[in-house]
N, C-alpha and C. Protein backbone atom coordinates (compact mmCIF):
# COMPACT_ATOMS: atom_id res chain seq x y z
N MET A 1 4.56 -137.29 122.13
CA MET A 1 3.52 -137.70 121.22
C MET A 1 2.39 -136.69 121.16
N SER A 2 2.55 -135.56 121.80
CA SER A 2 1.48 -134.57 121.79
C SER A 2 1.32 -133.98 120.40
N GLY A 3 0.09 -133.54 120.08
CA GLY A 3 -0.18 -132.93 118.81
C GLY A 3 -0.56 -133.92 117.72
N ARG A 4 -0.35 -135.19 117.97
CA ARG A 4 -0.72 -136.21 116.99
C ARG A 4 -1.99 -136.91 117.44
N ALA A 5 -2.64 -137.56 116.49
CA ALA A 5 -3.83 -138.35 116.83
C ALA A 5 -3.44 -139.40 117.85
N ARG A 6 -4.37 -139.65 118.74
CA ARG A 6 -4.13 -140.71 119.74
C ARG A 6 -4.07 -142.05 119.01
N ARG A 7 -3.04 -142.83 119.32
CA ARG A 7 -2.82 -144.13 118.68
C ARG A 7 -3.07 -145.22 119.71
N VAL A 8 -4.06 -146.06 119.43
CA VAL A 8 -4.45 -147.08 120.38
C VAL A 8 -4.39 -148.45 119.71
N GLY A 9 -3.69 -149.36 120.36
CA GLY A 9 -3.64 -150.74 119.90
C GLY A 9 -4.75 -151.55 120.53
N LEU A 10 -5.30 -152.46 119.77
CA LEU A 10 -6.33 -153.38 120.25
C LEU A 10 -5.80 -154.80 120.11
N LEU A 11 -5.68 -155.48 121.24
CA LEU A 11 -5.26 -156.87 121.23
C LEU A 11 -6.47 -157.71 121.61
N GLY A 12 -7.08 -158.30 120.61
CA GLY A 12 -8.28 -159.08 120.85
C GLY A 12 -7.94 -160.52 121.19
N GLY A 13 -8.79 -161.14 121.97
CA GLY A 13 -8.58 -162.54 122.29
C GLY A 13 -9.59 -163.03 123.31
N THR A 14 -9.61 -164.34 123.49
CA THR A 14 -10.47 -164.91 124.52
C THR A 14 -9.81 -164.77 125.89
N PHE A 15 -8.47 -164.72 125.93
CA PHE A 15 -7.71 -164.58 127.18
C PHE A 15 -8.20 -165.60 128.21
N ASP A 16 -8.09 -166.86 127.82
CA ASP A 16 -8.65 -167.95 128.61
C ASP A 16 -7.61 -169.02 128.89
N PRO A 17 -6.56 -168.70 129.69
CA PRO A 17 -6.29 -167.46 130.43
C PRO A 17 -5.33 -166.54 129.67
N PRO A 18 -5.23 -165.28 130.13
CA PRO A 18 -4.18 -164.40 129.60
C PRO A 18 -2.83 -164.89 130.10
N HIS A 19 -1.80 -164.76 129.26
CA HIS A 19 -0.48 -165.26 129.65
C HIS A 19 0.62 -164.28 129.25
N LEU A 20 1.85 -164.64 129.58
CA LEU A 20 2.97 -163.71 129.37
C LEU A 20 3.20 -163.38 127.90
N ALA A 21 2.91 -164.29 126.99
CA ALA A 21 3.08 -163.98 125.57
C ALA A 21 2.14 -162.86 125.15
N HIS A 22 0.92 -162.82 125.69
CA HIS A 22 0.01 -161.72 125.39
C HIS A 22 0.62 -160.39 125.84
N LEU A 23 1.19 -160.38 127.03
CA LEU A 23 1.78 -159.15 127.57
C LEU A 23 3.00 -158.72 126.77
N VAL A 24 3.82 -159.67 126.36
CA VAL A 24 5.00 -159.35 125.55
C VAL A 24 4.57 -158.74 124.22
N VAL A 25 3.59 -159.33 123.56
CA VAL A 25 3.09 -158.80 122.29
C VAL A 25 2.59 -157.37 122.47
N ALA A 26 1.79 -157.14 123.51
CA ALA A 26 1.23 -155.81 123.75
C ALA A 26 2.31 -154.77 123.99
N GLU A 27 3.29 -155.10 124.81
CA GLU A 27 4.35 -154.13 125.12
C GLU A 27 5.25 -153.89 123.91
N TRP A 28 5.56 -154.95 123.18
CA TRP A 28 6.40 -154.82 121.98
C TRP A 28 5.70 -153.93 120.96
N ALA A 29 4.39 -154.15 120.77
CA ALA A 29 3.62 -153.33 119.83
C ALA A 29 3.54 -151.88 120.31
N ARG A 30 3.32 -151.70 121.61
CA ARG A 30 3.21 -150.34 122.15
C ARG A 30 4.46 -149.53 121.85
N THR A 31 5.62 -150.11 122.09
CA THR A 31 6.85 -149.35 121.89
C THR A 31 7.22 -149.27 120.41
N SER A 32 7.05 -150.36 119.67
CA SER A 32 7.44 -150.38 118.25
C SER A 32 6.57 -149.49 117.38
N LEU A 33 5.28 -149.40 117.71
CA LEU A 33 4.33 -148.64 116.89
C LEU A 33 3.99 -147.28 117.49
N ALA A 34 4.69 -146.90 118.57
CA ALA A 34 4.47 -145.62 119.25
C ALA A 34 2.99 -145.45 119.63
N LEU A 35 2.44 -146.48 120.26
CA LEU A 35 1.04 -146.44 120.70
C LEU A 35 0.95 -145.77 122.07
N HIS A 36 -0.10 -145.00 122.25
CA HIS A 36 -0.35 -144.39 123.55
C HIS A 36 -0.86 -145.42 124.56
N GLU A 37 -1.57 -146.41 124.04
CA GLU A 37 -2.26 -147.37 124.91
C GLU A 37 -2.47 -148.65 124.13
N VAL A 38 -2.53 -149.77 124.85
CA VAL A 38 -2.97 -151.03 124.26
C VAL A 38 -4.16 -151.52 125.10
N ARG A 39 -5.26 -151.76 124.41
CA ARG A 39 -6.46 -152.28 125.07
C ARG A 39 -6.59 -153.77 124.77
N PHE A 40 -6.79 -154.52 125.82
CA PHE A 40 -7.03 -155.95 125.69
C PHE A 40 -8.54 -156.12 125.50
N LEU A 41 -8.92 -156.48 124.30
CA LEU A 41 -10.32 -156.58 123.91
C LEU A 41 -10.78 -158.02 124.13
N VAL A 42 -11.48 -158.25 125.25
CA VAL A 42 -11.88 -159.60 125.63
C VAL A 42 -13.10 -160.01 124.80
N ALA A 43 -12.95 -161.11 124.06
CA ALA A 43 -14.02 -161.59 123.19
C ALA A 43 -15.17 -162.13 124.01
N GLY A 44 -16.37 -161.88 123.52
CA GLY A 44 -17.57 -162.40 124.17
C GLY A 44 -17.86 -163.79 123.66
N ASP A 45 -18.53 -163.86 122.52
CA ASP A 45 -18.86 -165.13 121.88
C ASP A 45 -18.21 -165.10 120.49
N PRO A 46 -16.91 -165.32 120.43
CA PRO A 46 -16.23 -165.21 119.13
C PRO A 46 -16.73 -166.30 118.18
N TRP A 47 -17.12 -165.89 116.99
CA TRP A 47 -17.77 -166.83 116.08
C TRP A 47 -16.81 -167.86 115.51
N MET A 48 -15.48 -167.63 115.63
CA MET A 48 -14.52 -168.58 115.07
C MET A 48 -13.77 -169.37 116.14
N LYS A 49 -14.14 -169.20 117.43
CA LYS A 49 -13.36 -169.84 118.49
C LYS A 49 -14.25 -170.17 119.68
N ASP A 50 -13.92 -171.26 120.37
CA ASP A 50 -14.65 -171.63 121.58
C ASP A 50 -13.90 -171.11 122.81
N THR A 51 -14.65 -170.89 123.87
CA THR A 51 -14.03 -170.50 125.14
C THR A 51 -14.35 -171.57 126.17
N ALA A 52 -13.49 -171.67 127.18
CA ALA A 52 -13.70 -172.66 128.25
C ALA A 52 -14.32 -172.01 129.48
N SER A 53 -14.03 -170.74 129.70
CA SER A 53 -14.47 -170.05 130.92
C SER A 53 -15.53 -169.01 130.61
N GLU A 54 -16.33 -168.72 131.60
CA GLU A 54 -17.33 -167.66 131.47
C GLU A 54 -16.63 -166.32 131.30
N ALA A 55 -17.30 -165.41 130.63
CA ALA A 55 -16.71 -164.13 130.29
C ALA A 55 -16.22 -163.36 131.52
N HIS A 56 -16.99 -163.39 132.62
CA HIS A 56 -16.58 -162.59 133.78
C HIS A 56 -15.25 -163.07 134.34
N HIS A 57 -14.97 -164.37 134.25
CA HIS A 57 -13.67 -164.88 134.71
C HIS A 57 -12.55 -164.39 133.77
N ARG A 58 -12.80 -164.44 132.47
CA ARG A 58 -11.78 -164.03 131.51
C ARG A 58 -11.48 -162.53 131.63
N VAL A 59 -12.50 -161.73 131.86
CA VAL A 59 -12.30 -160.29 132.07
C VAL A 59 -11.50 -160.06 133.35
N ALA A 60 -11.88 -160.72 134.44
CA ALA A 60 -11.19 -160.54 135.72
C ALA A 60 -9.72 -160.93 135.61
N MET A 61 -9.44 -162.07 134.97
CA MET A 61 -8.04 -162.50 134.82
C MET A 61 -7.25 -161.51 133.97
N THR A 62 -7.87 -160.97 132.92
CA THR A 62 -7.18 -160.02 132.05
C THR A 62 -6.90 -158.73 132.80
N GLU A 63 -7.84 -158.28 133.61
CA GLU A 63 -7.61 -157.08 134.43
C GLU A 63 -6.44 -157.30 135.39
N LEU A 64 -6.37 -158.47 135.98
CA LEU A 64 -5.25 -158.78 136.88
C LEU A 64 -3.93 -158.80 136.09
N ALA A 65 -3.95 -159.37 134.90
CA ALA A 65 -2.73 -159.50 134.11
C ALA A 65 -2.14 -158.16 133.70
N VAL A 66 -2.98 -157.17 133.45
CA VAL A 66 -2.49 -155.88 132.94
C VAL A 66 -2.34 -154.82 134.03
N ALA A 67 -2.67 -155.16 135.26
CA ALA A 67 -2.77 -154.18 136.34
C ALA A 67 -1.51 -153.37 136.59
N ASP A 68 -0.34 -153.92 136.31
CA ASP A 68 0.88 -153.18 136.64
C ASP A 68 1.46 -152.38 135.47
N ASN A 69 0.71 -152.23 134.40
CA ASN A 69 1.17 -151.43 133.27
C ASN A 69 0.14 -150.35 132.98
N ASP A 70 0.51 -149.09 133.23
CA ASP A 70 -0.43 -147.98 133.05
C ASP A 70 -0.86 -147.79 131.61
N ALA A 71 -0.13 -148.32 130.66
CA ALA A 71 -0.48 -148.18 129.24
C ALA A 71 -1.42 -149.29 128.76
N PHE A 72 -1.74 -150.24 129.63
CA PHE A 72 -2.62 -151.34 129.28
C PHE A 72 -3.98 -151.16 129.96
N THR A 73 -5.05 -151.41 129.21
CA THR A 73 -6.39 -151.40 129.78
C THR A 73 -7.17 -152.60 129.22
N VAL A 74 -8.32 -152.85 129.82
CA VAL A 74 -9.18 -153.95 129.39
C VAL A 74 -10.49 -153.36 128.89
N ASP A 75 -10.95 -153.84 127.74
CA ASP A 75 -12.24 -153.44 127.18
C ASP A 75 -13.10 -154.70 127.11
N ASP A 76 -14.21 -154.68 127.86
CA ASP A 76 -15.05 -155.88 127.94
C ASP A 76 -16.35 -155.75 127.14
N ARG A 77 -16.43 -154.77 126.24
CA ARG A 77 -17.68 -154.50 125.52
C ARG A 77 -18.21 -155.74 124.79
N GLU A 78 -17.32 -156.55 124.23
CA GLU A 78 -17.80 -157.70 123.47
C GLU A 78 -18.41 -158.77 124.38
N THR A 79 -18.00 -158.81 125.63
CA THR A 79 -18.57 -159.79 126.56
C THR A 79 -19.97 -159.40 126.98
N ARG A 80 -20.33 -158.12 126.77
CA ARG A 80 -21.66 -157.65 127.16
C ARG A 80 -22.67 -157.75 126.02
N ARG A 81 -22.21 -158.15 124.84
CA ARG A 81 -23.12 -158.33 123.70
C ARG A 81 -23.67 -159.75 123.71
N SER A 82 -24.89 -159.89 123.22
CA SER A 82 -25.42 -161.25 123.07
C SER A 82 -25.13 -161.73 121.65
N GLY A 83 -24.93 -163.02 121.53
CA GLY A 83 -24.65 -163.60 120.22
C GLY A 83 -23.21 -163.41 119.81
N PRO A 84 -22.87 -163.82 118.59
CA PRO A 84 -21.49 -163.72 118.11
C PRO A 84 -21.01 -162.27 118.05
N THR A 85 -19.73 -162.08 118.27
CA THR A 85 -19.14 -160.74 118.21
C THR A 85 -18.27 -160.63 116.96
N TYR A 86 -18.35 -159.47 116.34
CA TYR A 86 -17.61 -159.22 115.11
C TYR A 86 -16.75 -157.98 115.25
N THR A 87 -15.52 -158.07 114.79
CA THR A 87 -14.55 -156.98 114.91
C THR A 87 -15.05 -155.71 114.23
N ALA A 88 -15.67 -155.82 113.06
CA ALA A 88 -16.13 -154.62 112.34
C ALA A 88 -17.11 -153.82 113.21
N GLU A 89 -18.01 -154.51 113.91
CA GLU A 89 -18.98 -153.81 114.76
C GLU A 89 -18.28 -153.13 115.93
N THR A 90 -17.31 -153.81 116.53
CA THR A 90 -16.57 -153.22 117.64
C THR A 90 -15.81 -151.97 117.18
N LEU A 91 -15.16 -152.06 116.03
CA LEU A 91 -14.42 -150.91 115.50
C LEU A 91 -15.36 -149.74 115.18
N GLU A 92 -16.54 -150.01 114.67
CA GLU A 92 -17.51 -148.94 114.41
C GLU A 92 -17.89 -148.25 115.71
N GLU A 93 -18.13 -149.02 116.77
CA GLU A 93 -18.46 -148.43 118.08
C GLU A 93 -17.32 -147.55 118.57
N LEU A 94 -16.10 -148.05 118.47
CA LEU A 94 -14.94 -147.29 118.95
C LEU A 94 -14.76 -145.99 118.18
N HIS A 95 -14.95 -146.03 116.87
CA HIS A 95 -14.85 -144.81 116.06
C HIS A 95 -15.90 -143.79 116.48
N ALA A 96 -17.11 -144.25 116.77
CA ALA A 96 -18.17 -143.34 117.20
C ALA A 96 -17.87 -142.74 118.56
N GLU A 97 -17.30 -143.53 119.46
CA GLU A 97 -17.01 -143.06 120.82
C GLU A 97 -15.78 -142.17 120.88
N GLU A 98 -14.80 -142.45 120.05
CA GLU A 98 -13.52 -141.74 120.12
C GLU A 98 -13.08 -141.29 118.72
N PRO A 99 -13.81 -140.34 118.14
CA PRO A 99 -13.44 -139.89 116.79
C PRO A 99 -12.04 -139.29 116.81
N GLY A 100 -11.30 -139.54 115.74
CA GLY A 100 -9.95 -139.00 115.63
C GLY A 100 -8.87 -139.93 116.17
N THR A 101 -9.27 -140.99 116.86
CA THR A 101 -8.28 -141.96 117.35
C THR A 101 -7.86 -142.87 116.20
N ALA A 102 -6.57 -143.15 116.13
CA ALA A 102 -6.05 -144.09 115.15
C ALA A 102 -5.98 -145.46 115.80
N TRP A 103 -6.67 -146.44 115.22
CA TRP A 103 -6.77 -147.78 115.80
C TRP A 103 -5.83 -148.74 115.09
N TRP A 104 -5.13 -149.54 115.88
CA TRP A 104 -4.20 -150.55 115.38
C TRP A 104 -4.65 -151.88 115.95
N PHE A 105 -5.07 -152.80 115.08
CA PHE A 105 -5.60 -154.08 115.53
C PHE A 105 -4.51 -155.13 115.42
N LEU A 106 -4.10 -155.67 116.57
CA LEU A 106 -2.99 -156.62 116.65
C LEU A 106 -3.50 -158.05 116.58
N LEU A 107 -2.94 -158.80 115.64
CA LEU A 107 -3.37 -160.19 115.43
C LEU A 107 -2.17 -161.08 115.20
N GLY A 108 -2.27 -162.31 115.63
CA GLY A 108 -1.25 -163.29 115.28
C GLY A 108 -1.22 -163.49 113.78
N ALA A 109 -0.05 -163.84 113.26
CA ALA A 109 0.10 -164.01 111.81
C ALA A 109 -0.89 -165.03 111.26
N ASP A 110 -1.15 -166.10 112.00
CA ASP A 110 -2.09 -167.12 111.52
C ASP A 110 -3.50 -166.55 111.40
N ALA A 111 -3.90 -165.69 112.34
CA ALA A 111 -5.22 -165.07 112.29
C ALA A 111 -5.33 -164.07 111.15
N VAL A 112 -4.24 -163.34 110.87
CA VAL A 112 -4.26 -162.36 109.77
C VAL A 112 -4.50 -163.07 108.45
N GLU A 113 -3.89 -164.22 108.28
CA GLU A 113 -4.06 -164.95 107.02
C GLU A 113 -5.50 -165.40 106.83
N LYS A 114 -6.27 -165.53 107.93
CA LYS A 114 -7.68 -165.91 107.85
C LYS A 114 -8.61 -164.69 107.78
N LEU A 115 -8.05 -163.50 107.85
CA LEU A 115 -8.84 -162.27 107.87
C LEU A 115 -9.84 -162.18 106.71
N PRO A 116 -9.50 -162.58 105.49
CA PRO A 116 -10.49 -162.48 104.41
C PRO A 116 -11.77 -163.29 104.66
N LEU A 117 -11.74 -164.25 105.59
CA LEU A 117 -12.91 -165.06 105.91
C LEU A 117 -13.81 -164.41 106.97
N TRP A 118 -13.34 -163.32 107.57
CA TRP A 118 -14.09 -162.69 108.65
C TRP A 118 -15.38 -162.07 108.13
N HIS A 119 -16.34 -161.96 109.04
CA HIS A 119 -17.58 -161.24 108.77
C HIS A 119 -17.25 -159.75 108.56
N ARG A 120 -17.64 -159.20 107.42
CA ARG A 120 -17.41 -157.78 107.08
C ARG A 120 -15.93 -157.41 107.19
N ALA A 121 -15.09 -158.29 106.67
CA ALA A 121 -13.64 -158.07 106.75
C ALA A 121 -13.22 -156.78 106.06
N SER A 122 -13.80 -156.45 104.93
CA SER A 122 -13.40 -155.23 104.22
C SER A 122 -13.73 -153.98 105.04
N ASP A 123 -14.83 -154.02 105.79
CA ASP A 123 -15.17 -152.89 106.68
C ASP A 123 -14.13 -152.78 107.80
N ALA A 124 -13.76 -153.93 108.37
CA ALA A 124 -12.80 -153.92 109.47
C ALA A 124 -11.47 -153.30 109.05
N VAL A 125 -10.96 -153.68 107.88
CA VAL A 125 -9.65 -153.15 107.46
C VAL A 125 -9.71 -151.68 107.09
N GLU A 126 -10.91 -151.15 106.84
CA GLU A 126 -11.05 -149.71 106.60
C GLU A 126 -11.04 -148.92 107.91
N LEU A 127 -11.38 -149.60 109.01
CA LEU A 127 -11.55 -148.92 110.29
C LEU A 127 -10.32 -148.97 111.19
N ALA A 128 -9.34 -149.80 110.85
CA ALA A 128 -8.14 -149.93 111.68
C ALA A 128 -6.98 -150.37 110.80
N THR A 129 -5.78 -150.08 111.27
CA THR A 129 -4.58 -150.64 110.66
C THR A 129 -4.37 -152.00 111.31
N PHE A 130 -4.36 -153.04 110.49
CA PHE A 130 -4.16 -154.38 111.02
C PHE A 130 -2.67 -154.70 111.06
N VAL A 131 -2.25 -155.28 112.17
CA VAL A 131 -0.85 -155.59 112.42
C VAL A 131 -0.71 -157.10 112.57
N ALA A 132 0.12 -157.69 111.74
CA ALA A 132 0.39 -159.13 111.82
C ALA A 132 1.57 -159.34 112.75
N VAL A 133 1.30 -159.90 113.90
CA VAL A 133 2.33 -160.18 114.89
C VAL A 133 2.94 -161.54 114.53
N ALA A 134 4.21 -161.50 114.16
CA ALA A 134 4.87 -162.73 113.69
C ALA A 134 6.17 -162.94 114.45
N ARG A 135 6.62 -164.18 114.44
CA ARG A 135 7.94 -164.45 114.97
C ARG A 135 8.95 -164.16 113.88
N PRO A 136 10.13 -163.75 114.25
CA PRO A 136 11.17 -163.54 113.24
C PRO A 136 11.37 -164.80 112.41
N GLY A 137 11.44 -164.62 111.09
CA GLY A 137 11.66 -165.75 110.19
C GLY A 137 10.38 -166.42 109.72
N HIS A 138 9.23 -166.07 110.31
CA HIS A 138 7.96 -166.66 109.87
C HIS A 138 7.56 -166.06 108.54
N GLN A 139 7.22 -166.89 107.59
CA GLN A 139 6.78 -166.42 106.28
C GLN A 139 5.29 -166.09 106.33
N LEU A 140 4.96 -164.82 106.16
CA LEU A 140 3.57 -164.40 106.16
C LEU A 140 3.00 -164.51 104.76
N MET A 141 1.81 -165.05 104.64
CA MET A 141 1.14 -165.17 103.34
C MET A 141 0.09 -164.06 103.25
N LEU A 142 0.47 -162.92 102.68
CA LEU A 142 -0.43 -161.77 102.58
C LEU A 142 -0.77 -161.47 101.12
N GLU A 143 -1.09 -162.52 100.37
CA GLU A 143 -1.31 -162.36 98.94
C GLU A 143 -2.70 -161.84 98.61
N ASN A 144 -3.66 -161.98 99.51
CA ASN A 144 -5.01 -161.50 99.26
C ASN A 144 -5.01 -159.97 99.21
N GLU A 145 -5.75 -159.40 98.29
CA GLU A 145 -5.83 -157.93 98.12
C GLU A 145 -6.26 -157.24 99.41
N LEU A 146 -7.11 -157.88 100.16
CA LEU A 146 -7.60 -157.32 101.42
C LEU A 146 -6.46 -157.09 102.43
N LEU A 147 -5.38 -157.84 102.27
CA LEU A 147 -4.28 -157.80 103.24
C LEU A 147 -3.12 -156.90 102.81
N ARG A 148 -3.29 -156.15 101.73
CA ARG A 148 -2.18 -155.38 101.16
C ARG A 148 -1.59 -154.35 102.12
N ASP A 149 -2.40 -153.81 103.03
CA ASP A 149 -1.91 -152.76 103.93
C ASP A 149 -1.58 -153.26 105.34
N VAL A 150 -1.60 -154.57 105.53
CA VAL A 150 -1.27 -155.13 106.84
C VAL A 150 0.19 -154.83 107.17
N VAL A 151 0.42 -154.38 108.39
CA VAL A 151 1.77 -154.08 108.88
C VAL A 151 2.31 -155.31 109.56
N ARG A 152 3.54 -155.68 109.25
CA ARG A 152 4.17 -156.83 109.89
C ARG A 152 4.97 -156.34 111.10
N LEU A 153 4.83 -157.05 112.22
CA LEU A 153 5.59 -156.72 113.42
C LEU A 153 6.19 -158.00 113.98
N ASP A 154 7.51 -158.11 113.90
CA ASP A 154 8.19 -159.26 114.48
C ASP A 154 8.35 -159.04 115.98
N VAL A 155 7.97 -160.04 116.76
CA VAL A 155 8.08 -159.95 118.22
C VAL A 155 8.84 -161.17 118.72
N PRO A 156 9.45 -161.07 119.90
CA PRO A 156 10.09 -162.25 120.48
C PRO A 156 9.05 -163.37 120.62
N HIS A 157 9.43 -164.56 120.26
CA HIS A 157 8.47 -165.67 120.28
C HIS A 157 8.53 -166.41 121.61
N LEU A 158 7.39 -166.46 122.28
CA LEU A 158 7.23 -167.28 123.48
C LEU A 158 6.21 -168.35 123.14
N SER A 159 6.59 -169.57 123.22
CA SER A 159 5.70 -170.66 122.83
C SER A 159 4.77 -171.01 123.99
N ILE A 160 3.79 -170.14 124.21
CA ILE A 160 2.80 -170.33 125.27
C ILE A 160 1.43 -170.22 124.61
N SER A 161 0.54 -171.15 124.93
CA SER A 161 -0.82 -171.05 124.41
C SER A 161 -1.81 -171.22 125.55
N SER A 162 -2.93 -170.54 125.44
CA SER A 162 -3.98 -170.70 126.44
C SER A 162 -4.48 -172.13 126.48
N THR A 163 -4.58 -172.76 125.32
CA THR A 163 -5.02 -174.16 125.26
C THR A 163 -4.07 -175.05 126.06
N GLY A 164 -2.77 -174.86 125.87
CA GLY A 164 -1.78 -175.64 126.61
C GLY A 164 -1.83 -175.38 128.10
N LEU A 165 -2.08 -174.13 128.48
CA LEU A 165 -2.18 -173.79 129.90
C LEU A 165 -3.40 -174.45 130.53
N ARG A 166 -4.52 -174.43 129.83
CA ARG A 166 -5.72 -175.09 130.37
C ARG A 166 -5.46 -176.58 130.55
N ARG A 167 -4.80 -177.19 129.58
CA ARG A 167 -4.48 -178.62 129.66
C ARG A 167 -3.56 -178.88 130.85
N ALA A 168 -2.57 -178.02 131.05
CA ALA A 168 -1.64 -178.20 132.17
C ALA A 168 -2.38 -178.15 133.50
N VAL A 169 -3.27 -177.17 133.66
CA VAL A 169 -4.02 -177.07 134.91
C VAL A 169 -4.88 -178.32 135.10
N ARG A 170 -5.56 -178.72 134.05
CA ARG A 170 -6.44 -179.90 134.13
C ARG A 170 -5.66 -181.15 134.55
N ASN A 171 -4.40 -181.25 134.08
CA ASN A 171 -3.58 -182.43 134.38
C ASN A 171 -2.68 -182.26 135.60
N GLY A 172 -2.87 -181.16 136.34
CA GLY A 172 -2.08 -180.94 137.54
C GLY A 172 -0.67 -180.43 137.27
N GLY A 173 -0.43 -179.90 136.07
CA GLY A 173 0.89 -179.39 135.71
C GLY A 173 1.10 -177.96 136.18
N ALA A 174 2.31 -177.48 135.99
CA ALA A 174 2.69 -176.14 136.44
C ALA A 174 2.42 -175.10 135.37
N ILE A 175 1.93 -173.94 135.80
CA ILE A 175 1.79 -172.79 134.90
C ILE A 175 2.55 -171.57 135.44
N ARG A 176 3.23 -171.78 136.56
CA ARG A 176 4.02 -170.70 137.14
C ARG A 176 5.05 -170.21 136.13
N TYR A 177 5.25 -168.90 136.06
CA TYR A 177 6.16 -168.23 135.13
C TYR A 177 5.63 -168.19 133.70
N LEU A 178 4.44 -168.73 133.47
CA LEU A 178 3.82 -168.65 132.14
C LEU A 178 2.66 -167.67 132.13
N VAL A 179 2.10 -167.44 133.32
CA VAL A 179 1.05 -166.44 133.51
C VAL A 179 1.48 -165.54 134.66
N PRO A 180 0.95 -164.31 134.74
CA PRO A 180 1.27 -163.49 135.91
C PRO A 180 0.82 -164.20 137.19
N PRO A 181 1.55 -163.99 138.30
CA PRO A 181 1.17 -164.65 139.56
C PRO A 181 -0.28 -164.40 139.97
N SER A 182 -0.79 -163.19 139.71
CA SER A 182 -2.18 -162.88 140.08
C SER A 182 -3.16 -163.73 139.29
N VAL A 183 -2.84 -164.03 138.04
CA VAL A 183 -3.70 -164.88 137.22
C VAL A 183 -3.63 -166.32 137.70
N GLU A 184 -2.43 -166.79 138.05
CA GLU A 184 -2.29 -168.14 138.59
C GLU A 184 -3.13 -168.30 139.86
N ARG A 185 -3.07 -167.29 140.74
CA ARG A 185 -3.86 -167.36 141.98
C ARG A 185 -5.36 -167.39 141.67
N TYR A 186 -5.78 -166.56 140.73
CA TYR A 186 -7.21 -166.49 140.37
C TYR A 186 -7.69 -167.85 139.86
N ILE A 187 -6.90 -168.47 139.00
CA ILE A 187 -7.26 -169.78 138.46
C ILE A 187 -7.44 -170.79 139.59
N GLY A 188 -6.52 -170.77 140.56
CA GLY A 188 -6.62 -171.68 141.70
C GLY A 188 -7.81 -171.38 142.59
N GLU A 189 -8.03 -170.11 142.89
CA GLU A 189 -9.13 -169.72 143.78
C GLU A 189 -10.49 -170.06 143.20
N HIS A 190 -10.61 -169.99 141.87
CA HIS A 190 -11.90 -170.25 141.23
C HIS A 190 -11.98 -171.63 140.58
N ALA A 191 -10.96 -172.45 140.84
CA ALA A 191 -10.92 -173.83 140.33
C ALA A 191 -11.23 -173.91 138.84
N LEU A 192 -10.61 -172.99 138.07
CA LEU A 192 -10.83 -172.99 136.62
C LEU A 192 -10.03 -174.10 135.96
N TYR A 193 -10.57 -174.61 134.89
CA TYR A 193 -9.93 -175.59 134.00
C TYR A 193 -9.72 -176.95 134.65
N ARG A 194 -10.36 -177.22 135.78
CA ARG A 194 -10.10 -178.48 136.48
C ARG A 194 -10.79 -179.67 135.81
N SER A 195 -11.94 -179.43 135.19
CA SER A 195 -12.65 -180.58 134.61
C SER A 195 -12.81 -180.41 133.12
């Protein structure tokens, strides 16, 4: 891959907690899109979603989850901002810090369909190639003009959600084999999602 612009994938999320489906998406995108790196962009105060855990816990769990893959890193910049975080602002910062890098923003198909509702959505799509991560056979609705250049990426579907994992922990259920062992230990040690 030498001689070409550095290609970096951004997988944004609350990662509350990070789970195996996140890792599968990141690795599938890395190999399918010939990315040099995938950064897990931990959301601070996402304006469209609630979080259950404090940011420092979500960053720590994400660092544990990606620790055994040299192509994965964690970016916690959004957790250090006050107030709502917006993708367009993050992409502007990244462009200023790393000019010449090609950015690929990885999103679930459902989130891509809501992209036109984002704050400064047109700026965001100018700053990165947006990738709709879909399960095979899922019908993507990309009829909005803003979505014309979205790249579709079919990935193996693992039906795991952070919401379901939090519920399982709260109810005394098992999360083993759904999150990395280090994340499971962290959740137990810090008594996350118990109440």
